[in-house]
Amino acid sequence: MGLFENIKNFFTPSSNSKIVKLYVQDKKCGNKMRVVLRKGYDIQRIYKDDVEGKYQISKVLVCDKCYNNIVIDVKFDKNYNVLDRSIENGKFITEEEFQNRN
């Protein structure tokens, strides 16, 4: 590889990133939030054979505007693709919906 290819690879985010981003909206005040999860710290491995998925996170988020508690539960496959998700007191949104907040 050439020098420019190495520089490009350094600044281009890879799909093997160490973080997972989720986007949620609070049902109480409508605040949109980005949730940044670290794969090696926040997301736990599932060791049960009878459970679909390889990783999971259960987390209580606190809205920074109205202090409402939002509970998320997300299961991931071995490549950290979302298999199943649930949320209380909020809803999952896309990155585009988050970017278009007013």
C-alpha atoms as a PDB file:
ATOM      1  CA  MET A   1       0.000   0.000   0.000  1.00  0.00           C
ATOM      2  CA  GLY A   2       1.087   3.494  -0.719  1.00  0.00           C
ATOM      3  CA  LEU A   3       1.372   6.389   1.679  1.00  0.00           C
ATOM      4  CA  PHE A   4      -1.924   7.969   0.607  1.00  0.00           C
ATOM      5  CA  GLU A   5      -3.789   4.660   0.979  1.00  0.00           C
ATOM      6  CA  ASN A   6      -2.475   4.332   4.543  1.00  0.00           C
ATOM      7  CA  ILE A   7      -3.578   7.891   5.363  1.00  0.00           C
ATOM      8  CA  LYS A   8      -7.021   7.244   3.846  1.00  0.00           C
ATOM      9  CA  ASN A   9      -7.447   4.036   5.866  1.00  0.00           C
ATOM     10  CA  PHE A  10      -6.402   5.838   9.053  1.00  0.00           C
ATOM     11  CA  PHE A  11      -9.114   8.505   8.703  1.00  0.00           C
ATOM     12  CA  THR A  12     -11.869   6.296   7.265  1.00  0.00           C
ATOM     13  CA  PRO A  13     -14.051   4.711   9.937  1.00  0.00           C
ATOM     14  CA  SER A  14     -14.041   0.961   9.647  1.00  0.00           C
ATOM     15  CA  SER A  15     -16.991  -1.349  10.109  1.00  0.00           C
ATOM     16  CA  ASN A  16     -14.949  -3.005  12.851  1.00  0.00           C
ATOM     17  CA  SER A  17     -15.231   0.062  15.067  1.00  0.00           C
ATOM     18  CA  LYS A  18     -15.136  -0.395  18.823  1.00  0.00           C
ATOM     19  CA  ILE A  19     -18.390   1.503  19.320  1.00  0.00           C
ATOM     20  CA  VAL A  20     -22.065   1.026  18.473  1.00  0.00           C
ATOM     21  CA  LYS A  21     -24.356   4.033  18.088  1.00  0.00           C
ATOM     22  CA  LEU A  22     -28.081   3.968  18.766  1.00  0.00           C
ATOM     23  CA  TYR A  23     -30.503   6.859  18.472  1.00  0.00           C
ATOM     24  CA  VAL A  24     -33.525   7.344  20.741  1.00  0.00           C
ATOM     25  CA  GLN A  25     -36.236   9.932  21.266  1.00  0.00           C
ATOM     26  CA  ASP A  26     -37.796  10.648  24.651  1.00  0.00           C
ATOM     27  CA  LYS A  27     -41.593  10.237  24.644  1.00  0.00           C
ATOM     28  CA  LYS A  28     -42.084  12.811  27.389  1.00  0.00           C
ATOM     29  CA  CYS A  29     -40.326  15.869  25.918  1.00  0.00           C
ATOM     30  CA  GLY A  30     -39.356  14.685  22.410  1.00  0.00           C
ATOM     31  CA  ASN A  31     -35.616  15.151  22.982  1.00  0.00           C
ATOM     32  CA  LYS A  32     -33.484  13.168  20.501  1.00  0.00           C
ATOM     33  CA  MET A  33     -30.329  11.537  21.825  1.00  0.00           C
ATOM     34  CA  ARG A  34     -27.378   9.568  20.494  1.00  0.00           C
ATOM     35  CA  VAL A  35     -26.308   6.619  22.644  1.00  0.00           C
ATOM     36  CA  VAL A  36     -22.673   5.579  22.190  1.00  0.00           C
ATOM     37  CA  LEU A  37     -21.881   2.079  23.458  1.00  0.00           C
ATOM     38  CA  ARG A  38     -18.412   0.559  23.731  1.00  0.00           C
ATOM     39  CA  LYS A  39     -18.304  -3.037  22.506  1.00  0.00           C
ATOM     40  CA  GLY A  40     -15.758  -4.219  25.054  1.00  0.00           C
ATOM     41  CA  TYR A  41     -17.294  -2.465  28.049  1.00  0.00           C
ATOM     42  CA  ASP A  42     -20.993  -1.587  27.745  1.00  0.00           C
ATOM     43  CA  ILE A  43     -22.198  -4.543  25.677  1.00  0.00           C
ATOM     44  CA  GLN A  44     -22.124  -7.945  27.380  1.00  0.00           C
ATOM     45  CA  ARG A  45     -21.629 -11.343  25.780  1.00  0.00           C
ATOM     46  CA  ILE A  46     -24.504 -13.832  26.052  1.00  0.00           C
ATOM     47  CA  TYR A  47     -23.294 -17.267  27.212  1.00  0.00           C
ATOM     48  CA  LYS A  48     -26.649 -19.081  27.076  1.00  0.00           C
ATOM     49  CA  ASP A  49     -27.185 -21.412  24.115  1.00  0.00           C
ATOM     50  CA  ASP A  50     -30.982 -21.074  24.125  1.00  0.00           C
ATOM     51  CA  VAL A  51     -30.916 -17.279  23.616  1.00  0.00           C
ATOM     52  CA  GLU A  52     -30.807 -15.743  20.159  1.00  0.00           C
ATOM     53  CA  GLY A  53     -27.864 -13.410  19.746  1.00  0.00           C
ATOM     54  CA  LYS A  54     -24.296 -13.203  20.951  1.00  0.00           C
ATOM     55  CA  TYR A  55     -24.318  -9.828  22.749  1.00  0.00           C
ATOM     56  CA  GLN A  56     -26.804  -7.697  24.664  1.00  0.00           C
ATOM     57  CA  ILE A  57     -27.227  -4.469  26.570  1.00  0.00           C
ATOM     58  CA  SER A  58     -29.845  -3.440  29.083  1.00  0.00           C
ATOM     59  CA  LYS A  59     -29.490   0.190  30.065  1.00  0.00           C
ATOM     60  CA  VAL A  60     -31.403   3.019  31.701  1.00  0.00           C
ATOM     61  CA  LEU A  61     -30.870   6.334  29.917  1.00  0.00           C
ATOM     62  CA  VAL A  62     -31.725   9.655  31.541  1.00  0.00           C
ATOM     63  CA  CYS A  63     -32.986  12.430  29.268  1.00  0.00           C
ATOM     64  CA  ASP A  64     -30.793  15.495  29.625  1.00  0.00           C
ATOM     65  CA  LYS A  65     -33.779  17.859  29.213  1.00  0.00           C
ATOM     66  CA  CYS A  66     -36.606  16.420  31.361  1.00  0.00           C
ATOM     67  CA  TYR A  67     -34.748  13.708  33.358  1.00  0.00           C
ATOM     68  CA  ASN A  68     -37.159  11.006  32.177  1.00  0.00           C
ATOM     69  CA  ASN A  69     -35.844   7.430  32.475  1.00  0.00           C
ATOM     70  CA  ILE A  70     -35.690   5.544  29.174  1.00  0.00           C
ATOM     71  CA  VAL A  71     -35.040   1.798  29.418  1.00  0.00           C
ATOM     72  CA  ILE A  72     -33.471   0.015  26.428  1.00  0.00           C
ATOM     73  CA  ASP A  73     -32.801  -3.668  25.879  1.00  0.00           C
ATOM     74  CA  VAL A  74     -30.952  -4.617  22.679  1.00  0.00           C
ATOM     75  CA  LYS A  75     -29.630  -7.959  21.436  1.00  0.00           C
ATOM     76  CA  PHE A  76     -26.916  -8.167  18.767  1.00  0.00           C
ATOM     77  CA  ASP A  77     -25.534 -10.912  16.536  1.00  0.00           C
ATOM     78  CA  LYS A  78     -21.815 -11.747  16.404  1.00  0.00           C
ATOM     79  CA  ASN A  79     -21.205  -8.745  14.081  1.00  0.00           C
ATOM     80  CA  TYR A  80     -23.097  -6.344  16.378  1.00  0.00           C
ATOM     81  CA  ASN A  81     -26.086  -6.080  14.042  1.00  0.00           C
ATOM     82  CA  VAL A  82     -29.305  -5.496  15.986  1.00  0.00           C
ATOM     83  CA  LEU A  83     -31.428  -8.658  16.226  1.00  0.00           C
ATOM     84  CA  ASP A  84     -34.046  -7.523  18.715  1.00  0.00           C
ATOM     85  CA  ARG A  85     -34.701  -4.348  20.651  1.00  0.00           C
ATOM     86  CA  SER A  86     -37.213  -2.921  23.070  1.00  0.00           C
ATOM     87  CA  ILE A  87     -37.626   0.470  24.691  1.00  0.00           C
ATOM     88  CA  GLU A  88     -39.753   1.971  27.459  1.00  0.00           C
ATOM     89  CA  ASN A  89     -40.621   5.702  27.695  1.00  0.00           C
ATOM     90  CA  GLY A  90     -39.074   6.436  24.303  1.00  0.00           C
ATOM     91  CA  LYS A  91     -38.655   5.221  20.759  1.00  0.00           C
ATOM     92  CA  PHE A  92     -35.745   4.237  18.562  1.00  0.00           C
ATOM     93  CA  ILE A  93     -35.045   6.623  15.682  1.00  0.00           C
ATOM     94  CA  THR A  94     -32.667   6.591  12.723  1.00  0.00           C
ATOM     95  CA  GLU A  95     -29.456   8.576  12.454  1.00  0.00           C
ATOM     96  CA  GLU A  96     -31.132  10.772   9.825  1.00  0.00           C
ATOM     97  CA  GLU A  97     -34.011  11.584  12.191  1.00  0.00           C
ATOM     98  CA  PHE A  98     -31.454  12.486  14.864  1.00  0.00           C
ATOM     99  CA  GLN A  99     -29.529  14.755  12.477  1.00  0.00           C
ATOM    100  CA  ASN A 100     -32.751  16.581  11.461  1.00  0.00           C
ATOM    101  CA  ARG A 101     -33.596  17.663  14.995  1.00  0.00           C
ATOM    102  CA  ASN A 102     -34.626  21.230  15.586  1.00  0.00           C
END
